[in-house]
Amino acid sequence: MAGPDFDTEIKQLLATMSIIDQVLDLDGMRREIAELGEPGRRPGSVGRPGQRDARHRAPLRVQGELNRFTEPQSRIGDLQALLELGQEEDDAASMAAAEVELAKINKSVEAS
């Protein structure tokens, strides 16, 4: 049984991630996080314990959403490095690990 066509699948993943980036405006999310600032670092953020409101949770929510979509991009880069190493060293274990990682990334992107 032949393994996956890594080049084709990675290109498809990158194309999908590019579409997600455009549709969700990940750069806009980054700007929003910068504008909202970090909880605890904004003026007026010191208060009684348990007195968190939407303004305090907003940066964390947006950062969580951003991470959900940027994490697969990072994993794709790691996968490419693993593939390069596996191919250079003709390492079957690295290639098998790359196949498993590719399946995990695909599943992660599909869940997005």
C-alpha atoms as a PDB file:
ATOM      1  CA  MET A   1       0.000   0.000   0.000  1.00  0.00           C
ATOM      2  CA  ALA A   2       1.485   3.315  -1.070  1.00  0.00           C
ATOM      3  CA  GLY A   3       1.800   6.187   1.354  1.00  0.00           C
ATOM      4  CA  PRO A   4       0.297   9.591   0.856  1.00  0.00           C
ATOM      5  CA  ASP A   5       1.456  12.016  -1.798  1.00  0.00           C
ATOM      6  CA  PHE A   6       2.904  14.433   0.751  1.00  0.00           C
ATOM      7  CA  ASP A   7       3.578  17.243  -1.722  1.00  0.00           C
ATOM      8  CA  THR A   8      -0.004  17.254  -2.998  1.00  0.00           C
ATOM      9  CA  GLU A   9      -1.569  16.929   0.436  1.00  0.00           C
ATOM     10  CA  ILE A  10       0.604  19.673   1.923  1.00  0.00           C
ATOM     11  CA  LYS A  11      -0.242  21.977  -0.994  1.00  0.00           C
ATOM     12  CA  GLN A  12      -3.940  21.275  -0.401  1.00  0.00           C
ATOM     13  CA  LEU A  13      -3.573  21.960   3.318  1.00  0.00           C
ATOM     14  CA  LEU A  14      -1.742  25.220   2.655  1.00  0.00           C
ATOM     15  CA  ALA A  15      -4.435  26.289   0.178  1.00  0.00           C
ATOM     16  CA  THR A  16      -7.140  25.485   2.725  1.00  0.00           C
ATOM     17  CA  MET A  17      -5.280  27.401   5.425  1.00  0.00           C
ATOM     18  CA  SER A  18      -4.936  30.381   3.080  1.00  0.00           C
ATOM     19  CA  ILE A  19      -8.689  30.395   2.490  1.00  0.00           C
ATOM     20  CA  ILE A  20      -9.335  30.155   6.232  1.00  0.00           C
ATOM     21  CA  ASP A  21      -6.928  33.047   6.799  1.00  0.00           C
ATOM     22  CA  GLN A  22      -8.758  35.221   4.270  1.00  0.00           C
ATOM     23  CA  VAL A  23     -12.275  34.301   5.365  1.00  0.00           C
ATOM     24  CA  LEU A  24     -11.615  34.716   9.076  1.00  0.00           C
ATOM     25  CA  ASP A  25      -9.225  37.673   8.652  1.00  0.00           C
ATOM     26  CA  LEU A  26      -6.530  36.345  10.959  1.00  0.00           C
ATOM     27  CA  ASP A  27      -4.579  39.589  10.576  1.00  0.00           C
ATOM     28  CA  GLY A  28      -7.698  41.395  11.793  1.00  0.00           C
ATOM     29  CA  MET A  29      -7.774  39.074  14.807  1.00  0.00           C
ATOM     30  CA  ARG A  30      -4.145  39.933  15.533  1.00  0.00           C
ATOM     31  CA  ARG A  31      -4.958  43.646  15.332  1.00  0.00           C
ATOM     32  CA  GLU A  32      -7.955  43.152  17.621  1.00  0.00           C
ATOM     33  CA  ILE A  33      -5.782  41.383  20.187  1.00  0.00           C
ATOM     34  CA  ALA A  34      -3.248  44.215  20.047  1.00  0.00           C
ATOM     35  CA  GLU A  35      -6.006  46.808  20.453  1.00  0.00           C
ATOM     36  CA  LEU A  36      -7.663  44.971  23.328  1.00  0.00           C
ATOM     37  CA  GLY A  37      -4.370  44.408  25.096  1.00  0.00           C
ATOM     38  CA  GLU A  38      -3.588  41.757  27.636  1.00  0.00           C
ATOM     39  CA  PRO A  39      -5.885  41.262  30.615  1.00  0.00           C
ATOM     40  CA  GLY A  40      -4.306  42.790  33.702  1.00  0.00           C
ATOM     41  CA  ARG A  41      -2.199  45.225  31.671  1.00  0.00           C
ATOM     42  CA  ARG A  42      -4.964  47.650  30.704  1.00  0.00           C
ATOM     43  CA  PRO A  43      -5.907  50.648  32.813  1.00  0.00           C
ATOM     44  CA  GLY A  44      -8.778  49.844  35.102  1.00  0.00           C
ATOM     45  CA  SER A  45      -8.156  46.117  34.950  1.00  0.00           C
ATOM     46  CA  VAL A  46      -7.293  45.888  38.628  1.00  0.00           C
ATOM     47  CA  GLY A  47     -10.387  45.164  40.625  1.00  0.00           C
ATOM     48  CA  ARG A  48     -12.027  42.739  42.925  1.00  0.00           C
ATOM     49  CA  PRO A  49     -11.469  39.030  42.295  1.00  0.00           C
ATOM     50  CA  GLY A  50     -14.238  37.494  40.238  1.00  0.00           C
ATOM     51  CA  GLN A  51     -15.139  40.830  38.677  1.00  0.00           C
ATOM     52  CA  ARG A  52     -14.200  39.831  35.153  1.00  0.00           C
ATOM     53  CA  ASP A  53     -16.384  41.128  32.366  1.00  0.00           C
ATOM     54  CA  ALA A  54     -16.428  40.713  28.593  1.00  0.00           C
ATOM     55  CA  ARG A  55     -13.647  43.304  28.225  1.00  0.00           C
ATOM     56  CA  HIS A  56     -11.335  41.097  30.258  1.00  0.00           C
ATOM     57  CA  ARG A  57     -12.263  37.893  28.449  1.00  0.00           C
ATOM     58  CA  ALA A  58     -12.232  39.320  24.928  1.00  0.00           C
ATOM     59  CA  PRO A  59      -8.461  39.176  24.304  1.00  0.00           C
ATOM     60  CA  LEU A  60      -8.330  35.609  25.598  1.00  0.00           C
ATOM     61  CA  ARG A  61     -11.285  34.575  23.424  1.00  0.00           C
ATOM     62  CA  VAL A  62      -9.825  36.147  20.295  1.00  0.00           C
ATOM     63  CA  GLN A  63      -6.359  34.694  21.017  1.00  0.00           C
ATOM     64  CA  GLY A  64      -7.918  31.251  21.469  1.00  0.00           C
ATOM     65  CA  GLU A  65      -9.673  31.535  18.112  1.00  0.00           C
ATOM     66  CA  LEU A  66      -6.497  32.740  16.446  1.00  0.00           C
ATOM     67  CA  ASN A  67      -4.483  29.867  17.927  1.00  0.00           C
ATOM     68  CA  ARG A  68      -7.069  27.377  16.697  1.00  0.00           C
ATOM     69  CA  PHE A  69      -6.247  28.376  13.129  1.00  0.00           C
ATOM     70  CA  THR A  70      -2.552  29.227  13.347  1.00  0.00           C
ATOM     71  CA  GLU A  71      -1.545  26.046  15.176  1.00  0.00           C
ATOM     72  CA  PRO A  72      -2.097  23.828  12.094  1.00  0.00           C
ATOM     73  CA  GLN A  73       0.054  26.206  10.031  1.00  0.00           C
ATOM     74  CA  SER A  74       2.915  25.709  12.467  1.00  0.00           C
ATOM     75  CA  ARG A  75       2.398  21.958  12.411  1.00  0.00           C
ATOM     76  CA  ILE A  76       2.548  21.952   8.598  1.00  0.00           C
ATOM     77  CA  GLY A  77       5.979  23.617   8.801  1.00  0.00           C
ATOM     78  CA  ASP A  78       7.120  21.000  11.299  1.00  0.00           C
ATOM     79  CA  LEU A  79       5.771  18.259   9.026  1.00  0.00           C
ATOM     80  CA  GLN A  80       7.738  19.637   6.087  1.00  0.00           C
ATOM     81  CA  ALA A  81      10.930  19.574   8.170  1.00  0.00           C
ATOM     82  CA  LEU A  82      10.222  15.996   9.274  1.00  0.00           C
ATOM     83  CA  LEU A  83       9.635  14.946   5.671  1.00  0.00           C
ATOM     84  CA  GLU A  84      12.850  16.568   4.525  1.00  0.00           C
ATOM     85  CA  LEU A  85      14.794  14.782   7.238  1.00  0.00           C
ATOM     86  CA  GLY A  86      13.087  11.462   6.511  1.00  0.00           C
ATOM     87  CA  GLN A  87      13.791  11.739   2.792  1.00  0.00           C
ATOM     88  CA  GLU A  88      17.414  12.846   3.228  1.00  0.00           C
ATOM     89  CA  GLU A  89      18.168  10.054   5.681  1.00  0.00           C
ATOM     90  CA  ASP A  90      15.903   7.507   3.939  1.00  0.00           C
ATOM     91  CA  ASP A  91      14.381   7.007   7.395  1.00  0.00           C
ATOM     92  CA  ALA A  92      11.252   4.854   7.344  1.00  0.00           C
ATOM     93  CA  ALA A  93      10.403   5.771  10.944  1.00  0.00           C
ATOM     94  CA  SER A  94      10.420   9.495  10.136  1.00  0.00           C
ATOM     95  CA  MET A  95       8.284   8.906   7.072  1.00  0.00           C
ATOM     96  CA  ALA A  96       5.801   6.861   9.115  1.00  0.00           C
ATOM     97  CA  ALA A  97       5.695   9.616  11.746  1.00  0.00           C
ATOM     98  CA  ALA A  98       5.117  12.161   8.976  1.00  0.00           C
ATOM     99  CA  GLU A  99       2.195  10.115   7.666  1.00  0.00           C
ATOM    100  CA  VAL A 100       0.624  10.021  11.139  1.00  0.00           C
ATOM    101  CA  GLU A 101       1.189  13.763  11.611  1.00  0.00           C
ATOM    102  CA  LEU A 102      -0.318  14.507   8.201  1.00  0.00           C
ATOM    103  CA  ALA A 103      -3.479  12.625   9.172  1.00  0.00           C
ATOM    104  CA  LYS A 104      -3.672  14.549  12.463  1.00  0.00           C
ATOM    105  CA  ILE A 105      -3.238  17.897  10.734  1.00  0.00           C
ATOM    106  CA  ASN A 106      -5.901  17.015   8.156  1.00  0.00           C
ATOM    107  CA  LYS A 107      -8.290  16.111  10.959  1.00  0.00           C
ATOM    108  CA  SER A 108      -7.498  19.351  12.797  1.00  0.00           C
ATOM    109  CA  VAL A 109      -8.081  21.471   9.692  1.00  0.00           C
ATOM    110  CA  GLU A 110     -11.318  19.669   8.873  1.00  0.00           C
ATOM    111  CA  ALA A 111     -12.557  20.346  12.409  1.00  0.00           C
ATOM    112  CA  SER A 112     -11.870  24.053  11.901  1.00  0.00           C
END
